[in-house]
Amino acid sequence: MQFKVASLDDLAVISRIFHSCWHISYKDLLKEKVRADMTLEAAADLWRPSLTEPQGRETVLGIFNDMPVSVFRIGPDKDIAGRGHLFSIYVSPDFAGKGLGSETLNEAIKRLTVKGFNEISLWVFEDNQRANGMYSKFGFKPTGQTRIDNRWQENEIELIKTQP
């Protein structure tokens, strides 16, 4: 895989990857109304600020065989100084099971490490077993913190990875 920092020109493809995940990968995870509200336009509205006003964060597009297949957003943790954060990571469901999620997560961790972060946090839906399994393999552990974002209406748990 290859990775490139995304720009506003990539908004349509990022929105499509996110939208596909929302409607396919999260089909049994999120309520139907929450998924229905996430139109392509809503996905673009959600991602646009990260490309136009990054606020020290980086949005990265993963390319496999010349096709954009994944996206992630990283930067400093907004709550704890000196800690990196994985704000989002999505892999097109069309490419599930090919190891691209692991490659994408590995790239996100590598980029945060290069930026000097020895700890990396993220939030994941508690019932997203596939994602939780992948994060666990990469050394992420639950912190005990939970939250529910009113937009998504599902319990999320915080995970953290400490670099050696």
N, C-alpha and C. Protein backbone atom coordinates (compact mmCIF):
# COMPACT_ATOMS: atom_id res chain seq x y z
N MET A 1 0.84 -1.19 0.00
CA MET A 1 0.00 0.00 0.00
C MET A 1 0.87 1.24 0.00
N GLN A 2 0.32 2.29 -0.56
CA GLN A 2 0.96 3.60 -0.50
C GLN A 2 0.01 4.53 0.25
N PHE A 3 0.56 5.56 0.84
CA PHE A 3 -0.23 6.50 1.61
C PHE A 3 0.14 7.92 1.21
N LYS A 4 -0.86 8.79 1.18
CA LYS A 4 -0.61 10.19 0.87
C LYS A 4 -1.49 11.07 1.74
N VAL A 5 -0.95 12.22 2.11
CA VAL A 5 -1.75 13.18 2.87
C VAL A 5 -2.87 13.65 1.95
N ALA A 6 -4.08 13.60 2.45
CA ALA A 6 -5.26 13.94 1.66
C ALA A 6 -5.43 15.45 1.57
N SER A 7 -6.09 15.86 0.49
CA SER A 7 -6.43 17.27 0.30
C SER A 7 -7.92 17.37 0.02
N LEU A 8 -8.39 18.59 -0.12
CA LEU A 8 -9.81 18.80 -0.42
C LEU A 8 -10.21 18.11 -1.71
N ASP A 9 -9.28 17.94 -2.64
CA ASP A 9 -9.56 17.22 -3.89
C ASP A 9 -9.95 15.77 -3.64
N ASP A 10 -9.60 15.23 -2.48
CA ASP A 10 -9.89 13.83 -2.15
C ASP A 10 -11.21 13.67 -1.38
N LEU A 11 -11.92 14.76 -1.15
CA LEU A 11 -13.12 14.70 -0.32
C LEU A 11 -14.15 13.70 -0.85
N ALA A 12 -14.39 13.66 -2.14
CA ALA A 12 -15.41 12.75 -2.69
C ALA A 12 -15.06 11.29 -2.42
N VAL A 13 -13.80 10.92 -2.63
CA VAL A 13 -13.41 9.52 -2.42
C VAL A 13 -13.41 9.17 -0.93
N ILE A 14 -12.97 10.10 -0.09
CA ILE A 14 -13.02 9.86 1.36
C ILE A 14 -14.46 9.67 1.81
N SER A 15 -15.35 10.51 1.31
CA SER A 15 -16.77 10.42 1.67
C SER A 15 -17.35 9.08 1.24
N ARG A 16 -16.96 8.59 0.07
CA ARG A 16 -17.47 7.29 -0.41
C ARG A 16 -16.97 6.14 0.47
N ILE A 17 -15.69 6.17 0.85
CA ILE A 17 -15.15 5.11 1.71
C ILE A 17 -15.89 5.13 3.05
N PHE A 18 -16.01 6.30 3.66
CA PHE A 18 -16.69 6.45 4.94
C PHE A 18 -18.15 6.00 4.84
N HIS A 19 -18.85 6.47 3.82
CA HIS A 19 -20.26 6.15 3.61
C HIS A 19 -20.45 4.63 3.47
N SER A 20 -19.57 3.97 2.71
CA SER A 20 -19.66 2.51 2.54
C SER A 20 -19.48 1.80 3.87
N CYS A 21 -18.52 2.24 4.65
CA CYS A 21 -18.31 1.63 5.97
C CYS A 21 -19.54 1.81 6.85
N TRP A 22 -20.08 3.01 6.83
CA TRP A 22 -21.23 3.33 7.67
C TRP A 22 -22.42 2.43 7.33
N HIS A 23 -22.61 2.17 6.04
CA HIS A 23 -23.80 1.44 5.61
C HIS A 23 -23.59 -0.05 5.45
N ILE A 24 -22.35 -0.49 5.30
CA ILE A 24 -22.09 -1.92 5.13
C ILE A 24 -21.44 -2.50 6.40
N SER A 25 -20.30 -1.96 6.77
CA SER A 25 -19.56 -2.50 7.93
C SER A 25 -20.31 -2.30 9.23
N TYR A 26 -21.06 -1.20 9.34
CA TYR A 26 -21.78 -0.89 10.58
C TYR A 26 -23.26 -1.27 10.52
N LYS A 27 -23.63 -2.08 9.53
CA LYS A 27 -25.05 -2.42 9.35
C LYS A 27 -25.67 -3.03 10.61
N ASP A 28 -24.95 -3.88 11.27
CA ASP A 28 -25.49 -4.53 12.48
C ASP A 28 -25.04 -3.85 13.76
N LEU A 29 -24.36 -2.72 13.62
CA LEU A 29 -23.81 -2.04 14.79
C LEU A 29 -24.59 -0.77 15.13
N LEU A 30 -24.92 0.01 14.13
CA LEU A 30 -25.61 1.28 14.35
C LEU A 30 -27.09 1.17 14.01
N LYS A 31 -27.87 1.97 14.67
CA LYS A 31 -29.31 2.00 14.41
C LYS A 31 -29.57 2.43 12.97
N GLU A 32 -30.64 1.90 12.40
CA GLU A 32 -30.98 2.19 11.01
C GLU A 32 -31.11 3.69 10.74
N LYS A 33 -31.74 4.42 11.66
CA LYS A 33 -31.92 5.87 11.48
C LYS A 33 -30.57 6.59 11.46
N VAL A 34 -29.66 6.19 12.32
CA VAL A 34 -28.32 6.81 12.36
C VAL A 34 -27.62 6.58 11.03
N ARG A 35 -27.72 5.35 10.51
CA ARG A 35 -27.10 5.06 9.22
C ARG A 35 -27.80 5.81 8.09
N ALA A 36 -29.11 5.86 8.12
CA ALA A 36 -29.86 6.54 7.06
C ALA A 36 -29.53 8.04 7.01
N ASP A 37 -29.30 8.62 8.17
CA ASP A 37 -28.95 10.04 8.22
C ASP A 37 -27.57 10.33 7.62
N MET A 38 -26.73 9.30 7.51
CA MET A 38 -25.38 9.49 6.97
C MET A 38 -25.42 9.30 5.45
N THR A 39 -25.87 10.34 4.77
CA THR A 39 -25.87 10.36 3.31
C THR A 39 -24.46 10.68 2.83
N LEU A 40 -24.23 10.59 1.53
CA LEU A 40 -22.93 10.99 0.98
C LEU A 40 -22.66 12.46 1.27
N GLU A 41 -23.69 13.28 1.17
CA GLU A 41 -23.54 14.71 1.46
C GLU A 41 -23.18 14.93 2.94
N ALA A 42 -23.84 14.20 3.83
CA ALA A 42 -23.53 14.31 5.26
C ALA A 42 -22.10 13.84 5.54
N ALA A 43 -21.67 12.79 4.85
CA ALA A 43 -20.30 12.30 5.02
C ALA A 43 -19.30 13.37 4.58
N ALA A 44 -19.58 14.00 3.45
CA ALA A 44 -18.69 15.07 2.97
C ALA A 44 -18.67 16.23 3.95
N ASP A 45 -19.83 16.58 4.49
CA ASP A 45 -19.89 17.67 5.49
C ASP A 45 -19.08 17.32 6.74
N LEU A 46 -19.09 16.05 7.12
CA LEU A 46 -18.35 15.59 8.30
C LEU A 46 -16.84 15.66 8.08
N TRP A 47 -16.38 15.28 6.89
CA TRP A 47 -14.95 15.20 6.61
C TRP A 47 -14.35 16.51 6.10
N ARG A 48 -15.14 17.38 5.50
CA ARG A 48 -14.62 18.61 4.90
C ARG A 48 -13.76 19.43 5.87
N PRO A 49 -14.21 19.67 7.12
CA PRO A 49 -13.39 20.49 8.03
C PRO A 49 -12.00 19.90 8.28
N SER A 50 -11.87 18.57 8.29
CA SER A 50 -10.54 18.00 8.53
C SER A 50 -9.58 18.28 7.37
N LEU A 51 -10.13 18.59 6.21
CA LEU A 51 -9.29 18.88 5.05
C LEU A 51 -9.07 20.38 4.86
N THR A 52 -10.04 21.19 5.27
CA THR A 52 -9.91 22.64 5.07
C THR A 52 -9.33 23.35 6.29
N GLU A 53 -9.56 22.80 7.48
CA GLU A 53 -9.05 23.37 8.73
C GLU A 53 -8.50 22.24 9.60
N PRO A 54 -7.35 21.69 9.24
CA PRO A 54 -6.85 20.49 9.92
C PRO A 54 -6.50 20.64 11.39
N GLN A 55 -6.24 21.85 11.88
CA GLN A 55 -5.94 22.09 13.29
C GLN A 55 -4.85 21.16 13.83
N GLY A 56 -3.78 21.02 13.05
CA GLY A 56 -2.65 20.19 13.49
C GLY A 56 -2.86 18.70 13.29
N ARG A 57 -3.94 18.34 12.68
CA ARG A 57 -4.23 16.93 12.41
C ARG A 57 -3.92 16.62 10.95
N GLU A 58 -3.77 15.34 10.66
CA GLU A 58 -3.42 14.92 9.31
C GLU A 58 -4.42 13.86 8.85
N THR A 59 -4.99 14.07 7.68
CA THR A 59 -5.87 13.07 7.06
C THR A 59 -5.08 12.39 5.96
N VAL A 60 -5.05 11.06 5.99
CA VAL A 60 -4.20 10.29 5.08
C VAL A 60 -5.06 9.28 4.33
N LEU A 61 -4.81 9.20 3.03
CA LEU A 61 -5.53 8.29 2.14
C LEU A 61 -4.63 7.10 1.83
N GLY A 62 -5.16 5.88 1.95
CA GLY A 62 -4.42 4.67 1.61
C GLY A 62 -4.78 4.23 0.20
N ILE A 63 -3.75 3.92 -0.59
CA ILE A 63 -3.93 3.54 -1.99
C ILE A 63 -3.43 2.11 -2.18
N PHE A 64 -4.26 1.28 -2.81
CA PHE A 64 -3.91 -0.11 -3.09
C PHE A 64 -4.21 -0.36 -4.56
N ASN A 65 -3.21 -0.81 -5.31
CA ASN A 65 -3.38 -1.03 -6.75
C ASN A 65 -4.00 0.19 -7.44
N ASP A 66 -3.47 1.35 -7.12
CA ASP A 66 -3.91 2.63 -7.71
C ASP A 66 -5.34 3.03 -7.35
N MET A 67 -5.92 2.36 -6.35
CA MET A 67 -7.28 2.70 -5.92
C MET A 67 -7.26 3.17 -4.47
N PRO A 68 -7.93 4.29 -4.17
CA PRO A 68 -8.07 4.70 -2.77
C PRO A 68 -8.96 3.71 -2.03
N VAL A 69 -8.44 3.13 -0.95
CA VAL A 69 -9.19 2.09 -0.23
C VAL A 69 -9.34 2.35 1.26
N SER A 70 -8.56 3.31 1.80
CA SER A 70 -8.65 3.56 3.24
C SER A 70 -8.37 5.03 3.52
N VAL A 71 -8.79 5.44 4.71
CA VAL A 71 -8.52 6.81 5.16
C VAL A 71 -8.38 6.79 6.67
N PHE A 72 -7.46 7.61 7.17
CA PHE A 72 -7.37 7.80 8.62
C PHE A 72 -7.01 9.24 8.91
N ARG A 73 -7.30 9.63 10.16
CA ARG A 73 -6.99 10.99 10.62
C ARG A 73 -6.30 10.88 11.97
N ILE A 74 -5.15 11.53 12.08
CA ILE A 74 -4.34 11.46 13.29
C ILE A 74 -3.93 12.86 13.73
N GLY A 75 -3.49 12.95 14.97
CA GLY A 75 -2.97 14.20 15.50
C GLY A 75 -2.82 14.11 17.00
N PRO A 76 -2.54 15.26 17.62
CA PRO A 76 -2.42 15.27 19.08
C PRO A 76 -3.78 14.99 19.74
N ASP A 77 -3.75 14.27 20.84
CA ASP A 77 -4.95 14.03 21.63
C ASP A 77 -5.44 15.38 22.15
N LYS A 78 -6.72 15.66 22.00
CA LYS A 78 -7.25 16.97 22.41
C LYS A 78 -7.35 17.12 23.93
N ASP A 79 -7.30 16.00 24.66
CA ASP A 79 -7.46 16.05 26.11
C ASP A 79 -6.17 15.89 26.89
N ILE A 80 -5.20 15.18 26.34
CA ILE A 80 -3.97 14.90 27.08
C ILE A 80 -2.76 15.31 26.25
N ALA A 81 -2.07 16.33 26.71
CA ALA A 81 -0.89 16.84 26.00
C ALA A 81 0.18 15.75 25.91
N GLY A 82 0.83 15.68 24.77
CA GLY A 82 1.91 14.73 24.58
C GLY A 82 1.46 13.35 24.13
N ARG A 83 0.16 13.16 24.00
CA ARG A 83 -0.36 11.87 23.55
C ARG A 83 -0.94 12.03 22.15
N GLY A 84 -0.66 11.08 21.27
CA GLY A 84 -1.23 11.08 19.93
C GLY A 84 -2.61 10.46 19.94
N HIS A 85 -3.38 10.74 18.89
CA HIS A 85 -4.74 10.21 18.83
C HIS A 85 -5.07 9.80 17.40
N LEU A 86 -5.71 8.65 17.27
CA LEU A 86 -6.27 8.19 16.00
C LEU A 86 -7.74 8.56 16.03
N PHE A 87 -8.08 9.62 15.30
CA PHE A 87 -9.45 10.14 15.32
C PHE A 87 -10.40 9.28 14.50
N SER A 88 -9.91 8.75 13.38
CA SER A 88 -10.75 7.95 12.49
C SER A 88 -9.87 7.01 11.68
N ILE A 89 -10.42 5.85 11.37
CA ILE A 89 -9.78 4.94 10.43
C ILE A 89 -10.88 4.13 9.76
N TYR A 90 -10.86 4.14 8.44
CA TYR A 90 -11.89 3.42 7.67
C TYR A 90 -11.23 2.75 6.48
N VAL A 91 -11.65 1.51 6.22
CA VAL A 91 -11.19 0.75 5.05
C VAL A 91 -12.43 0.34 4.27
N SER A 92 -12.40 0.57 2.98
CA SER A 92 -13.54 0.22 2.13
C SER A 92 -13.94 -1.23 2.35
N PRO A 93 -15.23 -1.50 2.58
CA PRO A 93 -15.69 -2.88 2.77
C PRO A 93 -15.41 -3.76 1.55
N ASP A 94 -15.24 -3.14 0.38
CA ASP A 94 -14.92 -3.91 -0.83
C ASP A 94 -13.56 -4.60 -0.72
N PHE A 95 -12.73 -4.15 0.21
CA PHE A 95 -11.39 -4.70 0.36
C PHE A 95 -11.19 -5.37 1.72
N ALA A 96 -12.27 -5.69 2.39
CA ALA A 96 -12.19 -6.33 3.71
C ALA A 96 -11.53 -7.70 3.59
N GLY A 97 -10.79 -8.06 4.62
CA GLY A 97 -10.18 -9.38 4.69
C GLY A 97 -8.89 -9.53 3.90
N LYS A 98 -8.34 -8.45 3.40
CA LYS A 98 -7.10 -8.51 2.62
C LYS A 98 -5.89 -7.98 3.40
N GLY A 99 -6.09 -7.67 4.68
CA GLY A 99 -4.99 -7.16 5.49
C GLY A 99 -4.75 -5.66 5.35
N LEU A 100 -5.61 -4.98 4.61
CA LEU A 100 -5.42 -3.55 4.38
C LEU A 100 -5.74 -2.72 5.62
N GLY A 101 -6.62 -3.21 6.46
CA GLY A 101 -6.91 -2.53 7.72
C GLY A 101 -5.67 -2.51 8.61
N SER A 102 -4.99 -3.66 8.68
CA SER A 102 -3.77 -3.74 9.48
C SER A 102 -2.68 -2.85 8.91
N GLU A 103 -2.54 -2.84 7.58
CA GLU A 103 -1.53 -1.98 6.96
C GLU A 103 -1.84 -0.51 7.23
N THR A 104 -3.11 -0.17 7.16
CA THR A 104 -3.51 1.22 7.38
C THR A 104 -3.27 1.62 8.84
N LEU A 105 -3.65 0.75 9.77
CA LEU A 105 -3.42 1.04 11.19
C LEU A 105 -1.92 1.14 11.48
N ASN A 106 -1.14 0.26 10.90
CA ASN A 106 0.31 0.30 11.09
C ASN A 106 0.88 1.64 10.60
N GLU A 107 0.39 2.13 9.47
CA GLU A 107 0.85 3.42 8.96
C GLU A 107 0.47 4.56 9.89
N ALA A 108 -0.74 4.51 10.42
CA ALA A 108 -1.18 5.56 11.35
C ALA A 108 -0.29 5.57 12.60
N ILE A 109 -0.02 4.39 13.14
CA ILE A 109 0.85 4.29 14.33
C ILE A 109 2.24 4.81 14.00
N LYS A 110 2.76 4.41 12.85
CA LYS A 110 4.10 4.84 12.44
C LYS A 110 4.17 6.37 12.33
N ARG A 111 3.17 6.97 11.72
CA ARG A 111 3.18 8.43 11.56
C ARG A 111 3.08 9.15 12.91
N LEU A 112 2.28 8.62 13.81
CA LEU A 112 2.19 9.23 15.14
C LEU A 112 3.50 9.07 15.91
N THR A 113 4.14 7.93 15.77
CA THR A 113 5.41 7.68 16.44
C THR A 113 6.49 8.63 15.91
N VAL A 114 6.52 8.81 14.59
CA VAL A 114 7.49 9.73 13.98
C VAL A 114 7.27 11.15 14.51
N LYS A 115 6.04 11.50 14.82
CA LYS A 115 5.72 12.82 15.36
C LYS A 115 6.10 12.94 16.84
N GLY A 116 6.61 11.84 17.42
CA GLY A 116 7.11 11.89 18.79
C GLY A 116 6.12 11.43 19.85
N PHE A 117 5.01 10.84 19.46
CA PHE A 117 4.03 10.37 20.44
C PHE A 117 4.37 8.95 20.89
N ASN A 118 4.54 8.77 22.20
CA ASN A 118 4.81 7.45 22.77
C ASN A 118 3.53 6.75 23.22
N GLU A 119 2.46 7.52 23.34
CA GLU A 119 1.14 6.96 23.67
C GLU A 119 0.18 7.37 22.57
N ILE A 120 -0.70 6.43 22.22
CA ILE A 120 -1.71 6.69 21.19
C ILE A 120 -3.05 6.25 21.73
N SER A 121 -4.03 7.14 21.63
CA SER A 121 -5.38 6.80 22.08
C SER A 121 -6.33 6.77 20.88
N LEU A 122 -7.47 6.14 21.09
CA LEU A 122 -8.53 6.12 20.09
C LEU A 122 -9.84 5.75 20.78
N TRP A 123 -10.94 6.04 20.12
CA TRP A 123 -12.26 5.62 20.58
C TRP A 123 -12.82 4.67 19.53
N VAL A 124 -13.47 3.60 19.99
CA VAL A 124 -14.05 2.60 19.10
C VAL A 124 -15.40 2.18 19.67
N PHE A 125 -16.32 1.85 18.77
CA PHE A 125 -17.60 1.33 19.25
C PHE A 125 -17.34 0.05 20.03
N GLU A 126 -17.89 -0.02 21.21
CA GLU A 126 -17.65 -1.17 22.09
C GLU A 126 -18.03 -2.49 21.42
N ASP A 127 -19.11 -2.50 20.64
CA ASP A 127 -19.58 -3.73 20.02
C ASP A 127 -18.94 -4.02 18.67
N ASN A 128 -17.98 -3.22 18.24
CA ASN A 128 -17.31 -3.46 16.96
C ASN A 128 -16.19 -4.48 17.19
N GLN A 129 -16.57 -5.74 17.20
CA GLN A 129 -15.63 -6.82 17.53
C GLN A 129 -14.46 -6.91 16.55
N ARG A 130 -14.73 -6.71 15.28
CA ARG A 130 -13.66 -6.80 14.28
C ARG A 130 -12.58 -5.74 14.56
N ALA A 131 -13.01 -4.50 14.75
CA ALA A 131 -12.05 -3.43 15.01
C ALA A 131 -11.34 -3.65 16.35
N ASN A 132 -12.10 -4.02 17.37
CA ASN A 132 -11.49 -4.25 18.69
C ASN A 132 -10.44 -5.36 18.64
N GLY A 133 -10.70 -6.40 17.85
CA GLY A 133 -9.73 -7.48 17.69
C GLY A 133 -8.45 -6.99 17.03
N MET A 134 -8.59 -6.17 16.00
CA MET A 134 -7.42 -5.64 15.31
C MET A 134 -6.61 -4.74 16.24
N TYR A 135 -7.30 -3.85 16.95
CA TYR A 135 -6.60 -2.95 17.86
C TYR A 135 -5.86 -3.73 18.94
N SER A 136 -6.47 -4.76 19.45
CA SER A 136 -5.84 -5.60 20.48
C SER A 136 -4.56 -6.23 19.95
N LYS A 137 -4.59 -6.72 18.71
CA LYS A 137 -3.39 -7.32 18.11
C LYS A 137 -2.25 -6.30 17.99
N PHE A 138 -2.58 -5.04 17.89
CA PHE A 138 -1.57 -3.99 17.79
C PHE A 138 -1.18 -3.42 19.15
N GLY A 139 -1.70 -4.02 20.23
CA GLY A 139 -1.29 -3.61 21.57
C GLY A 139 -2.14 -2.55 22.24
N PHE A 140 -3.29 -2.22 21.66
CA PHE A 140 -4.19 -1.25 22.30
C PHE A 140 -4.96 -1.95 23.41
N LYS A 141 -5.12 -1.23 24.52
CA LYS A 141 -5.83 -1.78 25.68
C LYS A 141 -6.88 -0.78 26.17
N PRO A 142 -8.01 -1.28 26.68
CA PRO A 142 -9.04 -0.38 27.20
C PRO A 142 -8.54 0.42 28.40
N THR A 143 -8.96 1.68 28.46
CA THR A 143 -8.59 2.54 29.60
C THR A 143 -9.66 2.52 30.68
N GLY A 144 -10.85 2.01 30.34
CA GLY A 144 -11.97 2.05 31.26
C GLY A 144 -12.90 3.23 31.01
N GLN A 145 -12.48 4.15 30.15
CA GLN A 145 -13.31 5.32 29.81
C GLN A 145 -14.32 4.94 28.73
N THR A 146 -15.55 5.44 28.87
CA THR A 146 -16.59 5.21 27.88
C THR A 146 -17.30 6.52 27.57
N ARG A 147 -17.99 6.54 26.45
CA ARG A 147 -18.79 7.71 26.07
C ARG A 147 -19.85 7.28 25.07
N ILE A 148 -20.86 8.12 24.95
CA ILE A 148 -21.87 7.94 23.90
C ILE A 148 -22.02 9.27 23.20
N ASP A 149 -21.69 9.30 21.92
CA ASP A 149 -21.88 10.49 21.10
C ASP A 149 -23.34 10.48 20.65
N ASN A 150 -24.06 11.55 20.91
CA ASN A 150 -25.48 11.61 20.57
C ASN A 150 -25.74 11.38 19.08
N ARG A 151 -24.77 11.72 18.24
CA ARG A 151 -24.95 11.52 16.80
C ARG A 151 -24.99 10.04 16.45
N TRP A 152 -24.19 9.21 17.12
CA TRP A 152 -24.06 7.80 16.74
C TRP A 152 -24.88 6.88 17.64
N GLN A 153 -25.17 7.32 18.86
CA GLN A 153 -26.06 6.61 19.79
C GLN A 153 -25.58 5.20 20.15
N GLU A 154 -24.28 5.01 20.18
CA GLU A 154 -23.71 3.71 20.57
C GLU A 154 -22.56 3.95 21.54
N ASN A 155 -22.39 3.03 22.47
CA ASN A 155 -21.32 3.15 23.44
C ASN A 155 -19.96 2.98 22.77
N GLU A 156 -19.05 3.88 23.12
CA GLU A 156 -17.67 3.81 22.65
C GLU A 156 -16.76 3.61 23.85
N ILE A 157 -15.66 2.93 23.61
CA ILE A 157 -14.66 2.74 24.65
C ILE A 157 -13.34 3.35 24.16
N GLU A 158 -12.58 3.86 25.13
CA GLU A 158 -11.27 4.41 24.79
C GLU A 158 -10.22 3.32 24.91
N LEU A 159 -9.33 3.28 23.93
CA LEU A 159 -8.20 2.37 23.96
C LEU A 159 -6.92 3.17 23.92
N ILE A 160 -5.85 2.60 24.46
CA ILE A 160 -4.56 3.28 24.45
C ILE A 160 -3.46 2.27 24.16
N LYS A 161 -2.46 2.75 23.45
CA LYS A 161 -1.26 1.94 23.16
C LYS A 161 -0.06 2.74 23.62
N THR A 162 0.79 2.12 24.38
CA THR A 162 2.03 2.75 24.81
C THR A 162 3.16 2.15 24.01
N GLN A 163 3.93 3.01 23.35
CA GLN A 163 5.05 2.55 22.54
C GLN A 163 6.22 2.19 23.45
N PRO A 164 6.97 1.16 23.08
CA PRO A 164 8.14 0.79 23.90
C PRO A 164 9.22 1.86 23.86
